[in-house]
Amino acid sequence: MSTVVFYEKPGCGNNTKQKMWLAASGHTVLAKNLLTEKWNPERLRSFFGDLPVAQWFNPSAPRIKSGEIDPSTIDATTALNMMLAEPLFIRRPLMDVDGVLRTGFDAKAVDAWIGLNDSQPKEEACPICHRSDPCPTPEAPSPRSSGETTSHSTKHDEAVQVAGYPASGESEARGAQPGKRKQPCSTLESSHA
C-alpha cells in the first residue's frame, strides 16, 4: 500500500472522510495543513498536472461561491498568485504519493491510481445541527505547531487523529476553539470553504 502525503484544510469534513477511506484501504496518510504550508508557484503548479486552470480552484471557496471570482476567466500565473495569497482557493486535497502529485479526490481516479476499497465512510449527521453534509467553519483551527504530521492507518470506524486537533467524537466541534460556545451550522457563514 502507499504513503499519501495529504494536504488538507484542518476541520474539513470531506477531507476527514477521505483520509479515513484512504486509511481503511490500507494506505498510510500523512496529513499536512494546506493553509499553512509554505508554497511556491512551481511546487503548487505541479499538483495540477494537465487540468484546466478553472479546475485548480476550490469551488467552495467563499469568493468563488459568491460569484466575486470566476475561475474560468483566470490564467495560470494569476491563479497561482491568488492561491499563494489566499490558500482557500486551492482545490483540495493535494496528494503526493512517491512524487506523483494530484489535486482533488475523485474516488474513481484515486482508486485507479493507488486503490480504494469499498469501505467509504458513511454520511454522519453533524453532532451540533444534525445535517449530513460537513459543518462549515468560520476559520480553520490552528495547529499546535506548524509542520506537524500524523500517520494514519486506522480502520474506517475508528477516529482519525490529526496532530493538534481533537479526534472525532471529542467534545469540541470541528472548527471550534477551546472555551468558545459551539454554533449550529445554520449560523456559520460559508459552507465547505
Protein backbone atom coordinates (compact mmCIF):
# COMPACT_ATOMS: atom_id res chain seq x y z
CA MET A 1 0.00 0.00 0.00
CA SER A 2 1.02 3.64 -0.41
CA THR A 3 2.08 6.50 1.82
CA VAL A 4 -0.08 9.51 0.95
CA VAL A 5 1.07 13.00 1.91
CA PHE A 6 -2.35 14.62 2.24
CA TYR A 7 -2.62 18.41 2.24
CA GLU A 8 -5.96 19.39 3.76
CA LYS A 9 -7.91 22.16 5.37
CA PRO A 10 -7.99 21.02 9.01
CA GLY A 11 -11.57 20.58 10.16
CA CYS A 12 -12.92 19.94 6.66
CA GLY A 13 -15.43 17.11 6.97
CA ASN A 14 -14.82 15.89 3.42
CA ASN A 15 -11.05 15.76 3.93
CA THR A 16 -11.57 13.81 7.15
CA LYS A 17 -13.73 11.23 5.35
CA GLN A 18 -11.20 10.98 2.52
CA LYS A 19 -8.34 10.33 4.97
CA MET A 20 -10.40 7.69 6.72
CA TRP A 21 -11.18 5.98 3.41
CA LEU A 22 -7.52 6.00 2.38
CA ALA A 23 -6.51 4.56 5.76
CA ALA A 24 -9.26 1.92 5.62
CA SER A 25 -7.90 0.97 2.19
CA GLY A 26 -4.53 0.21 3.79
CA HIS A 27 -2.70 3.43 2.93
CA THR A 28 -0.64 5.45 5.40
CA VAL A 29 -1.85 9.06 5.47
CA LEU A 30 0.48 11.88 6.46
CA ALA A 31 -1.82 14.86 6.99
CA LYS A 32 -0.49 18.39 6.48
CA ASN A 33 -2.18 21.76 6.75
CA LEU A 34 -2.71 23.11 3.22
CA LEU A 35 -3.38 26.59 4.61
CA THR A 36 -0.07 26.98 6.46
CA GLU A 37 2.21 25.06 4.09
CA LYS A 38 4.96 27.20 2.52
CA TRP A 39 4.03 27.05 -1.17
CA ASN A 40 5.85 28.50 -4.14
CA PRO A 41 4.37 28.78 -7.65
CA GLU A 42 6.36 25.88 -9.15
CA ARG A 43 5.63 23.46 -6.34
CA LEU A 44 1.92 24.29 -6.21
CA ARG A 45 1.58 24.16 -10.02
CA SER A 46 2.99 20.61 -10.06
CA PHE A 47 -0.13 19.25 -8.28
CA PHE A 48 -2.47 20.35 -11.08
CA GLY A 49 -0.94 18.39 -13.97
CA ASP A 50 -2.86 18.94 -17.20
CA LEU A 51 -6.12 20.07 -15.54
CA PRO A 52 -7.66 23.27 -16.91
CA VAL A 53 -6.93 26.28 -14.67
CA ALA A 54 -10.57 26.53 -13.56
CA GLN A 55 -10.26 23.04 -12.01
CA TRP A 56 -7.32 24.15 -9.86
CA PHE A 57 -9.75 26.17 -7.75
CA ASN A 58 -11.82 25.05 -4.78
CA PRO A 59 -15.39 25.72 -5.99
CA SER A 60 -16.49 26.09 -2.35
CA ALA A 61 -14.13 28.98 -1.58
CA PRO A 62 -16.31 31.85 -0.34
CA ARG A 63 -15.26 34.35 -3.02
CA ILE A 64 -15.91 31.78 -5.77
CA LYS A 65 -19.27 30.63 -4.34
CA SER A 66 -20.40 34.25 -4.08
CA GLY A 67 -19.58 34.84 -7.77
CA GLU A 68 -16.99 37.51 -6.96
CA ILE A 69 -14.36 35.42 -8.77
CA ASP A 70 -14.91 33.33 -11.91
CA PRO A 71 -12.08 30.76 -12.21
CA SER A 72 -12.85 30.20 -15.91
CA THR A 73 -11.57 33.71 -16.68
CA ILE A 74 -8.22 33.38 -14.88
CA ASP A 75 -4.85 32.48 -16.42
CA ALA A 76 -2.36 30.10 -14.77
CA THR A 77 0.04 32.74 -13.43
CA THR A 78 -2.76 34.80 -11.90
CA ALA A 79 -4.37 31.66 -10.43
CA LEU A 80 -1.15 30.60 -8.71
CA ASN A 81 -0.60 34.11 -7.31
CA MET A 82 -4.15 34.17 -5.99
CA MET A 83 -3.71 30.75 -4.36
CA LEU A 84 -0.43 31.75 -2.73
CA ALA A 85 -2.12 34.84 -1.29
CA GLU A 86 -5.34 33.04 -0.30
CA PRO A 87 -4.88 29.25 0.10
CA LEU A 88 -8.66 28.69 0.45
CA PHE A 89 -8.71 28.98 -3.35
CA ILE A 90 -6.69 25.75 -3.73
CA ARG A 91 -8.72 22.69 -4.69
CA ARG A 92 -8.18 20.08 -2.02
CA PRO A 93 -6.90 17.75 -1.04
CA LEU A 94 -3.49 17.91 -2.63
CA MET A 95 -1.92 14.44 -2.53
CA ASP A 96 1.64 13.23 -3.06
CA VAL A 97 2.38 9.53 -3.44
CA ASP A 98 6.04 8.81 -4.20
CA GLY A 99 6.39 12.08 -6.13
CA VAL A 100 3.18 11.61 -8.15
CA LEU A 101 1.06 14.68 -7.38
CA ARG A 102 -2.73 15.11 -7.67
CA THR A 103 -5.43 17.54 -6.61
CA GLY A 104 -9.00 16.79 -5.60
CA PHE A 105 -10.49 13.48 -4.56
CA ASP A 106 -12.34 11.79 -7.39
CA ALA A 107 -12.90 8.32 -5.93
CA LYS A 108 -12.65 6.51 -9.29
CA ALA A 109 -9.41 8.30 -10.18
CA VAL A 110 -7.90 7.67 -6.72
CA ASP A 111 -8.94 4.01 -6.94
CA ALA A 112 -7.27 3.65 -10.36
CA TRP A 113 -4.17 5.47 -9.07
CA ILE A 114 -3.47 3.82 -5.69
CA GLY A 115 -6.54 1.71 -4.90
CA LEU A 116 -9.54 2.21 -2.62
CA ASN A 117 -11.68 -0.45 -1.02
CA ASP A 118 -15.45 -0.29 -0.63
CA SER A 119 -15.30 0.99 2.96
CA GLN A 120 -16.16 4.58 2.07
CA PRO A 121 -17.18 6.34 5.29
CA LYS A 122 -20.93 6.73 5.64
CA GLU A 123 -22.52 10.14 5.89
CA GLU A 124 -22.94 11.02 9.53
CA ALA A 125 -25.04 13.82 10.93
CA CYS A 126 -23.31 16.82 12.44
CA PRO A 127 -23.36 16.47 16.26
CA ILE A 128 -24.47 20.11 16.58
CA CYS A 129 -27.10 20.67 13.89
CA HIS A 130 -27.65 17.08 12.66
CA ARG A 131 -27.13 17.88 8.97
CA SER A 132 -25.43 15.15 6.96
CA ASP A 133 -23.17 17.48 4.97
CA PRO A 134 -19.99 18.72 6.69
CA CYS A 135 -20.29 21.68 9.01
CA PRO A 136 -18.97 24.99 7.76
CA THR A 137 -16.23 26.52 9.85
CA PRO A 138 -15.68 30.25 10.35
CA GLU A 139 -11.93 29.63 10.15
CA ALA A 140 -9.59 26.67 10.16
CA PRO A 141 -8.18 25.84 13.60
CA SER A 142 -4.50 26.49 14.06
CA PRO A 143 -2.19 23.52 14.59
CA ARG A 144 -0.29 23.47 17.86
CA SER A 145 2.95 23.72 15.93
CA SER A 146 3.46 24.18 12.21
CA GLY A 147 4.74 21.32 10.14
CA GLU A 148 3.22 18.60 12.30
CA THR A 149 2.12 15.49 10.52
CA THR A 150 0.27 12.44 11.68
CA SER A 151 0.42 8.95 10.27
CA HIS A 152 -2.90 7.15 9.96
CA SER A 153 -3.57 3.52 9.36
CA THR A 154 -6.90 3.15 11.11
CA LYS A 155 -9.93 1.14 10.21
CA HIS A 156 -12.80 3.24 8.84
CA ASP A 157 -14.83 3.08 12.02
CA GLU A 158 -12.06 4.41 14.25
CA ALA A 159 -11.44 8.11 14.84
CA VAL A 160 -8.67 9.64 12.77
CA GLN A 161 -6.47 11.87 14.92
CA VAL A 162 -4.82 14.81 13.18
CA ALA A 163 -1.96 16.47 15.04
CA GLY A 164 -3.20 19.46 17.01
CA TYR A 165 -6.93 18.76 16.61
CA PRO A 166 -9.45 16.82 18.69
CA ALA A 167 -10.33 13.32 17.48
CA SER A 168 -13.83 12.64 16.14
CA GLY A 169 -16.33 12.36 18.93
CA GLU A 170 -14.40 14.53 21.36
CA SER A 171 -16.18 17.43 22.98
CA GLU A 172 -15.01 20.17 20.64
CA ALA A 173 -16.83 20.60 17.33
CA ARG A 174 -14.94 20.99 14.07
CA GLY A 175 -13.53 24.49 13.90
CA ALA A 176 -14.50 25.35 17.48
CA GLN A 177 -11.86 26.81 19.71
CA PRO A 178 -11.43 25.72 23.34
CA GLY A 179 -13.69 27.65 25.65
CA LYS A 180 -15.87 29.06 22.89
CA ARG A 181 -19.51 28.15 22.53
CA LYS A 182 -20.40 25.82 19.66
CA GLN A 183 -22.61 27.37 16.99
CA PRO A 184 -25.15 25.47 14.94
CA CYS A 185 -24.24 25.13 11.27
CA SER A 186 -27.04 27.41 10.15
CA THR A 187 -25.41 30.37 11.91
CA LEU A 188 -22.00 29.96 10.34
CA GLU A 189 -21.32 31.77 7.11
CA SER A 190 -19.60 29.85 4.33
CA SER A 191 -20.11 26.13 3.82
CA HIS A 192 -17.17 23.88 2.87
CA ALA A 193 -14.80 26.79 2.39
